[in-house]
Amino acid sequence: MEELKSIMEKFVASGWDLISIPAKQWLDGKADKDTLISAIKQADEECGSCGCDLDPLYKRALELI
């Protein structure tokens, strides 16, 4: 659970609304799991191979959820 929290904090810090908003909601205990999963999948599709630090975190977050 701590690993997932750390990943969500990185998503929030990214400032990319697509993942930062649902990740912040998750951290606040207000997340809709399906919305969060959908946002992470979309982020992975759009940016999952760009070479940034978040690339491996998308798939890892999905494994942990």
PDB file of N, CA and C in Angstrom:
ATOM      1  N   MET A   1       0.826  -1.202   0.000  1.00  0.00           N
ATOM      2  CA  MET A   1       0.000   0.000   0.000  1.00  0.00           C
ATOM      3  C   MET A   1       0.867   1.262   0.000  1.00  0.00           C
ATOM      4  N   GLU A   2       1.998   1.193   0.687  1.00  0.00           N
ATOM      5  CA  GLU A   2       2.897   2.351   0.748  1.00  0.00           C
ATOM      6  C   GLU A   2       3.490   2.655  -0.630  1.00  0.00           C
ATOM      7  N   GLU A   3       3.783   1.589  -1.391  1.00  0.00           N
ATOM      8  CA  GLU A   3       4.311   1.790  -2.743  1.00  0.00           C
ATOM      9  C   GLU A   3       3.288   2.486  -3.622  1.00  0.00           C
ATOM     10  N   LEU A   4       2.035   2.063  -3.529  1.00  0.00           N
ATOM     11  CA  LEU A   4       0.974   2.682  -4.325  1.00  0.00           C
ATOM     12  C   LEU A   4       0.783   4.141  -3.916  1.00  0.00           C
ATOM     13  N   LYS A   5       0.853   4.426  -2.623  1.00  0.00           N
ATOM     14  CA  LYS A   5       0.731   5.807  -2.148  1.00  0.00           C
ATOM     15  C   LYS A   5       1.843   6.668  -2.738  1.00  0.00           C
ATOM     16  N   SER A   6       3.053   6.135  -2.759  1.00  0.00           N
ATOM     17  CA  SER A   6       4.194   6.865  -3.309  1.00  0.00           C
ATOM     18  C   SER A   6       3.998   7.153  -4.797  1.00  0.00           C
ATOM     19  N   ILE A   7       3.496   6.176  -5.526  1.00  0.00           N
ATOM     20  CA  ILE A   7       3.228   6.366  -6.957  1.00  0.00           C
ATOM     21  C   ILE A   7       2.167   7.441  -7.158  1.00  0.00           C
ATOM     22  N   MET A   8       1.103   7.392  -6.370  1.00  0.00           N
ATOM     23  CA  MET A   8       0.038   8.389  -6.496  1.00  0.00           C
ATOM     24  C   MET A   8       0.563   9.790  -6.196  1.00  0.00           C
ATOM     25  N   GLU A   9       1.444   9.899  -5.223  1.00  0.00           N
ATOM     26  CA  GLU A   9       2.038  11.202  -4.904  1.00  0.00           C
ATOM     27  C   GLU A   9       2.860  11.718  -6.089  1.00  0.00           C
ATOM     28  N   LYS A  10       3.541  10.827  -6.783  1.00  0.00           N
ATOM     29  CA  LYS A  10       4.305  11.232  -7.969  1.00  0.00           C
ATOM     30  C   LYS A  10       3.360  11.666  -9.089  1.00  0.00           C
ATOM     31  N   PHE A  11       2.238  10.972  -9.227  1.00  0.00           N
ATOM     32  CA  PHE A  11       1.250  11.373 -10.230  1.00  0.00           C
ATOM     33  C   PHE A  11       0.711  12.763  -9.919  1.00  0.00           C
ATOM     34  N   VAL A  12       0.414  13.029  -8.665  1.00  0.00           N
ATOM     35  CA  VAL A  12      -0.084  14.350  -8.260  1.00  0.00           C
ATOM     36  C   VAL A  12       0.976  15.418  -8.561  1.00  0.00           C
ATOM     37  N   ALA A  13       2.223  15.124  -8.222  1.00  0.00           N
ATOM     38  CA  ALA A  13       3.306  16.077  -8.417  1.00  0.00           C
ATOM     39  C   ALA A  13       3.586  16.358  -9.892  1.00  0.00           C
ATOM     40  N   SER A  14       3.145  15.449 -10.764  1.00  0.00           N
ATOM     41  CA  SER A  14       3.394  15.632 -12.198  1.00  0.00           C
ATOM     42  C   SER A  14       2.677  16.863 -12.748  1.00  0.00           C
ATOM     43  N   GLY A  15       1.553  17.227 -12.106  1.00  0.00           N
ATOM     44  CA  GLY A  15       0.782  18.367 -12.582  1.00  0.00           C
ATOM     45  C   GLY A  15      -0.039  18.081 -13.833  1.00  0.00           C
ATOM     46  N   TRP A  16       0.001  16.849 -14.311  1.00  0.00           N
ATOM     47  CA  TRP A  16      -0.779  16.464 -15.494  1.00  0.00           C
ATOM     48  C   TRP A  16      -2.181  16.104 -15.022  1.00  0.00           C
ATOM     49  N   ASP A  17      -3.143  16.952 -15.334  1.00  0.00           N
ATOM     50  CA  ASP A  17      -4.505  16.790 -14.814  1.00  0.00           C
ATOM     51  C   ASP A  17      -5.078  15.399 -15.039  1.00  0.00           C
ATOM     52  N   LEU A  18      -4.740  14.776 -16.158  1.00  0.00           N
ATOM     53  CA  LEU A  18      -5.281  13.464 -16.472  1.00  0.00           C
ATOM     54  C   LEU A  18      -5.056  12.478 -15.331  1.00  0.00           C
ATOM     55  N   ILE A  19      -3.865  12.501 -14.747  1.00  0.00           N
ATOM     56  CA  ILE A  19      -3.589  11.571 -13.648  1.00  0.00           C
ATOM     57  C   ILE A  19      -3.469  12.246 -12.287  1.00  0.00           C
ATOM     58  N   SER A  20      -3.131  13.523 -12.270  1.00  0.00           N
ATOM     59  CA  SER A  20      -2.926  14.176 -10.968  1.00  0.00           C
ATOM     60  C   SER A  20      -4.237  14.336 -10.200  1.00  0.00           C
ATOM     61  N   ILE A  21      -5.312  14.646 -10.900  1.00  0.00           N
ATOM     62  CA  ILE A  21      -6.595  14.846 -10.213  1.00  0.00           C
ATOM     63  C   ILE A  21      -7.128  13.538  -9.626  1.00  0.00           C
ATOM     64  N   PRO A  22      -7.229  12.443 -10.424  1.00  0.00           N
ATOM     65  CA  PRO A  22      -7.712  11.194  -9.817  1.00  0.00           C
ATOM     66  C   PRO A  22      -6.757  10.651  -8.745  1.00  0.00           C
ATOM     67  N   ALA A  23      -5.456  10.877  -8.917  1.00  0.00           N
ATOM     68  CA  ALA A  23      -4.502  10.415  -7.904  1.00  0.00           C
ATOM     69  C   ALA A  23      -4.698  11.190  -6.599  1.00  0.00           C
ATOM     70  N   LYS A  24      -4.916  12.492  -6.694  1.00  0.00           N
ATOM     71  CA  LYS A  24      -5.169  13.319  -5.502  1.00  0.00           C
ATOM     72  C   LYS A  24      -6.445  12.864  -4.811  1.00  0.00           C
ATOM     73  N   GLN A  25      -7.471  12.565  -5.599  1.00  0.00           N
ATOM     74  CA  GLN A  25      -8.722  12.071  -5.019  1.00  0.00           C
ATOM     75  C   GLN A  25      -8.488  10.752  -4.290  1.00  0.00           C
ATOM     76  N   TRP A  26      -7.663   9.876  -4.882  1.00  0.00           N
ATOM     77  CA  TRP A  26      -7.350   8.599  -4.240  1.00  0.00           C
ATOM     78  C   TRP A  26      -6.643   8.841  -2.909  1.00  0.00           C
ATOM     79  N   LEU A  27      -5.671   9.735  -2.913  1.00  0.00           N
ATOM     80  CA  LEU A  27      -4.937  10.037  -1.685  1.00  0.00           C
ATOM     81  C   LEU A  27      -5.851  10.625  -0.612  1.00  0.00           C
ATOM     82  N   ASP A  28      -6.865  11.355  -1.054  1.00  0.00           N
ATOM     83  CA  ASP A  28      -7.824  11.960  -0.122  1.00  0.00           C
ATOM     84  C   ASP A  28      -8.923  10.992   0.295  1.00  0.00           C
ATOM     85  N   GLY A  29      -8.883   9.769  -0.232  1.00  0.00           N
ATOM     86  CA  GLY A  29      -9.897   8.775   0.100  1.00  0.00           C
ATOM     87  C   GLY A  29     -11.218   8.992  -0.602  1.00  0.00           C
ATOM     88  N   LYS A  30     -11.200   9.751  -1.691  1.00  0.00           N
ATOM     89  CA  LYS A  30     -12.437  10.090  -2.395  1.00  0.00           C
ATOM     90  C   LYS A  30     -12.453   9.558  -3.826  1.00  0.00           C
ATOM     91  N   ALA A  31     -11.555   8.646  -4.138  1.00  0.00           N
ATOM     92  CA  ALA A  31     -11.407   8.205  -5.521  1.00  0.00           C
ATOM     93  C   ALA A  31     -12.434   7.160  -5.901  1.00  0.00           C
ATOM     94  N   ASP A  32     -12.858   7.247  -7.136  1.00  0.00           N
ATOM     95  CA  ASP A  32     -13.632   6.189  -7.749  1.00  0.00           C
ATOM     96  C   ASP A  32     -12.613   5.284  -8.439  1.00  0.00           C
ATOM     97  N   LYS A  33     -12.548   4.025  -8.014  1.00  0.00           N
ATOM     98  CA  LYS A  33     -11.520   3.110  -8.506  1.00  0.00           C
ATOM     99  C   LYS A  33     -11.542   2.989 -10.028  1.00  0.00           C
ATOM    100  N   ASP A  34     -12.729   2.885 -10.611  1.00  0.00           N
ATOM    101  CA  ASP A  34     -12.828   2.738 -12.066  1.00  0.00           C
ATOM    102  C   ASP A  34     -12.302   3.974 -12.794  1.00  0.00           C
ATOM    103  N   THR A  35     -12.586   5.143 -12.267  1.00  0.00           N
ATOM    104  CA  THR A  35     -12.098   6.389 -12.867  1.00  0.00           C
ATOM    105  C   THR A  35     -10.578   6.457 -12.776  1.00  0.00           C
ATOM    106  N   LEU A  36     -10.048   6.069 -11.637  1.00  0.00           N
ATOM    107  CA  LEU A  36      -8.596   6.071 -11.439  1.00  0.00           C
ATOM    108  C   LEU A  36      -7.924   5.105 -12.416  1.00  0.00           C
ATOM    109  N   ILE A  37      -8.436   3.899 -12.513  1.00  0.00           N
ATOM    110  CA  ILE A  37      -7.861   2.905 -13.422  1.00  0.00           C
ATOM    111  C   ILE A  37      -7.932   3.395 -14.859  1.00  0.00           C
ATOM    112  N   SER A  38      -9.061   3.955 -15.233  1.00  0.00           N
ATOM    113  CA  SER A  38      -9.234   4.477 -16.583  1.00  0.00           C
ATOM    114  C   SER A  38      -8.225   5.584 -16.878  1.00  0.00           C
ATOM    115  N   ALA A  39      -8.017   6.480 -15.931  1.00  0.00           N
ATOM    116  CA  ALA A  39      -7.074   7.589 -16.117  1.00  0.00           C
ATOM    117  C   ALA A  39      -5.644   7.075 -16.252  1.00  0.00           C
ATOM    118  N   ILE A  40      -5.284   6.098 -15.447  1.00  0.00           N
ATOM    119  CA  ILE A  40      -3.925   5.553 -15.513  1.00  0.00           C
ATOM    120  C   ILE A  40      -3.714   4.833 -16.844  1.00  0.00           C
ATOM    121  N   LYS A  41      -4.710   4.076 -17.274  1.00  0.00           N
ATOM    122  CA  LYS A  41      -4.600   3.388 -18.569  1.00  0.00           C
ATOM    123  C   LYS A  41      -4.462   4.393 -19.710  1.00  0.00           C
ATOM    124  N   GLN A  42      -5.240   5.465 -19.669  1.00  0.00           N
ATOM    125  CA  GLN A  42      -5.164   6.489 -20.707  1.00  0.00           C
ATOM    126  C   GLN A  42      -3.790   7.167 -20.683  1.00  0.00           C
ATOM    127  N   ALA A  43      -3.288   7.468 -19.498  1.00  0.00           N
ATOM    128  CA  ALA A  43      -1.960   8.088 -19.381  1.00  0.00           C
ATOM    129  C   ALA A  43      -0.887   7.157 -19.935  1.00  0.00           C
ATOM    130  N   ASP A  44      -1.029   5.871 -19.669  1.00  0.00           N
ATOM    131  CA  ASP A  44      -0.062   4.902 -20.177  1.00  0.00           C
ATOM    132  C   ASP A  44      -0.104   4.850 -21.702  1.00  0.00           C
ATOM    133  N   GLU A  45      -1.302   4.913 -22.266  1.00  0.00           N
ATOM    134  CA  GLU A  45      -1.441   4.894 -23.725  1.00  0.00           C
ATOM    135  C   GLU A  45      -0.839   6.153 -24.355  1.00  0.00           C
ATOM    136  N   GLU A  46      -1.093   7.298 -23.738  1.00  0.00           N
ATOM    137  CA  GLU A  46      -0.648   8.574 -24.300  1.00  0.00           C
ATOM    138  C   GLU A  46       0.836   8.856 -24.053  1.00  0.00           C
ATOM    139  N   CYS A  47       1.357   8.370 -22.946  1.00  0.00           N
ATOM    140  CA  CYS A  47       2.693   8.803 -22.535  1.00  0.00           C
ATOM    141  C   CYS A  47       3.551   7.667 -21.977  1.00  0.00           C
ATOM    142  N   GLY A  48       3.075   6.461 -22.035  1.00  0.00           N
ATOM    143  CA  GLY A  48       3.743   5.348 -21.369  1.00  0.00           C
ATOM    144  C   GLY A  48       5.066   4.920 -21.953  1.00  0.00           C
ATOM    145  N   SER A  49       5.448   5.482 -23.074  1.00  0.00           N
ATOM    146  CA  SER A  49       6.737   5.097 -23.657  1.00  0.00           C
ATOM    147  C   SER A  49       7.549   6.318 -24.083  1.00  0.00           C
ATOM    148  N   CYS A  50       7.298   7.442 -23.427  1.00  0.00           N
ATOM    149  CA  CYS A  50       7.992   8.679 -23.799  1.00  0.00           C
ATOM    150  C   CYS A  50       9.385   8.761 -23.182  1.00  0.00           C
ATOM    151  N   GLY A  51       9.650   7.925 -22.192  1.00  0.00           N
ATOM    152  CA  GLY A  51      10.958   7.929 -21.559  1.00  0.00           C
ATOM    153  C   GLY A  51      11.019   8.694 -20.246  1.00  0.00           C
ATOM    154  N   CYS A  52       9.897   9.235 -19.804  1.00  0.00           N
ATOM    155  CA  CYS A  52       9.911   9.980 -18.540  1.00  0.00           C
ATOM    156  C   CYS A  52       9.876   9.017 -17.344  1.00  0.00           C
ATOM    157  N   ASP A  53      10.067   9.564 -16.167  1.00  0.00           N
ATOM    158  CA  ASP A  53      10.102   8.756 -14.945  1.00  0.00           C
ATOM    159  C   ASP A  53       8.771   8.084 -14.626  1.00  0.00           C
ATOM    160  N   LEU A  54       7.679   8.608 -15.170  1.00  0.00           N
ATOM    161  CA  LEU A  54       6.365   8.052 -14.865  1.00  0.00           C
ATOM    162  C   LEU A  54       6.042   6.801 -15.685  1.00  0.00           C
ATOM    163  N   ASP A  55       6.728   6.603 -16.796  1.00  0.00           N
ATOM    164  CA  ASP A  55       6.400   5.486 -17.694  1.00  0.00           C
ATOM    165  C   ASP A  55       6.226   4.146 -16.976  1.00  0.00           C
ATOM    166  N   PRO A  56       7.190   3.698 -16.177  1.00  0.00           N
ATOM    167  CA  PRO A  56       7.007   2.390 -15.530  1.00  0.00           C
ATOM    168  C   PRO A  56       5.980   2.405 -14.398  1.00  0.00           C
ATOM    169  N   LEU A  57       5.666   3.604 -13.913  1.00  0.00           N
ATOM    170  CA  LEU A  57       4.744   3.706 -12.774  1.00  0.00           C
ATOM    171  C   LEU A  57       3.298   3.429 -13.163  1.00  0.00           C
ATOM    172  N   TYR A  58       2.936   3.709 -14.405  1.00  0.00           N
ATOM    173  CA  TYR A  58       1.554   3.446 -14.831  1.00  0.00           C
ATOM    174  C   TYR A  58       1.216   1.969 -14.670  1.00  0.00           C
ATOM    175  N   LYS A  59       2.060   1.112 -15.247  1.00  0.00           N
ATOM    176  CA  LYS A  59       1.804  -0.327 -15.189  1.00  0.00           C
ATOM    177  C   LYS A  59       1.899  -0.845 -13.760  1.00  0.00           C
ATOM    178  N   ARG A  60       2.846  -0.343 -12.995  1.00  0.00           N
ATOM    179  CA  ARG A  60       3.001  -0.778 -11.619  1.00  0.00           C
ATOM    180  C   ARG A  60       1.797  -0.383 -10.773  1.00  0.00           C
ATOM    181  N   ALA A  61       1.296   0.818 -10.982  1.00  0.00           N
ATOM    182  CA  ALA A  61       0.107   1.263 -10.242  1.00  0.00           C
ATOM    183  C   ALA A  61      -1.080   0.362 -10.544  1.00  0.00           C
ATOM    184  N   LEU A  62      -1.237   0.000 -11.809  1.00  0.00           N
ATOM    185  CA  LEU A  62      -2.354  -0.874 -12.191  1.00  0.00           C
ATOM    186  C   LEU A  62      -2.221  -2.245 -11.542  1.00  0.00           C
ATOM    187  N   GLU A  63      -0.995  -2.734 -11.385  1.00  0.00           N
ATOM    188  CA  GLU A  63      -0.780  -4.013 -10.712  1.00  0.00           C
ATOM    189  C   GLU A  63      -1.158  -3.934  -9.243  1.00  0.00           C
ATOM    190  N   LEU A  64      -0.913  -2.789  -8.634  1.00  0.00           N
ATOM    191  CA  LEU A  64      -1.118  -2.641  -7.182  1.00  0.00           C
ATOM    192  C   LEU A  64      -2.558  -2.303  -6.793  1.00  0.00           C
ATOM    193  N   ILE A  65      -3.304  -1.758  -7.726  1.00  0.00           N
ATOM    194  CA  ILE A  65      -4.673  -1.307  -7.390  1.00  0.00           C
ATOM    195  C   ILE A  65      -5.572  -2.505  -7.160  1.00  0.00           C
TER     196      ILE A  65
END
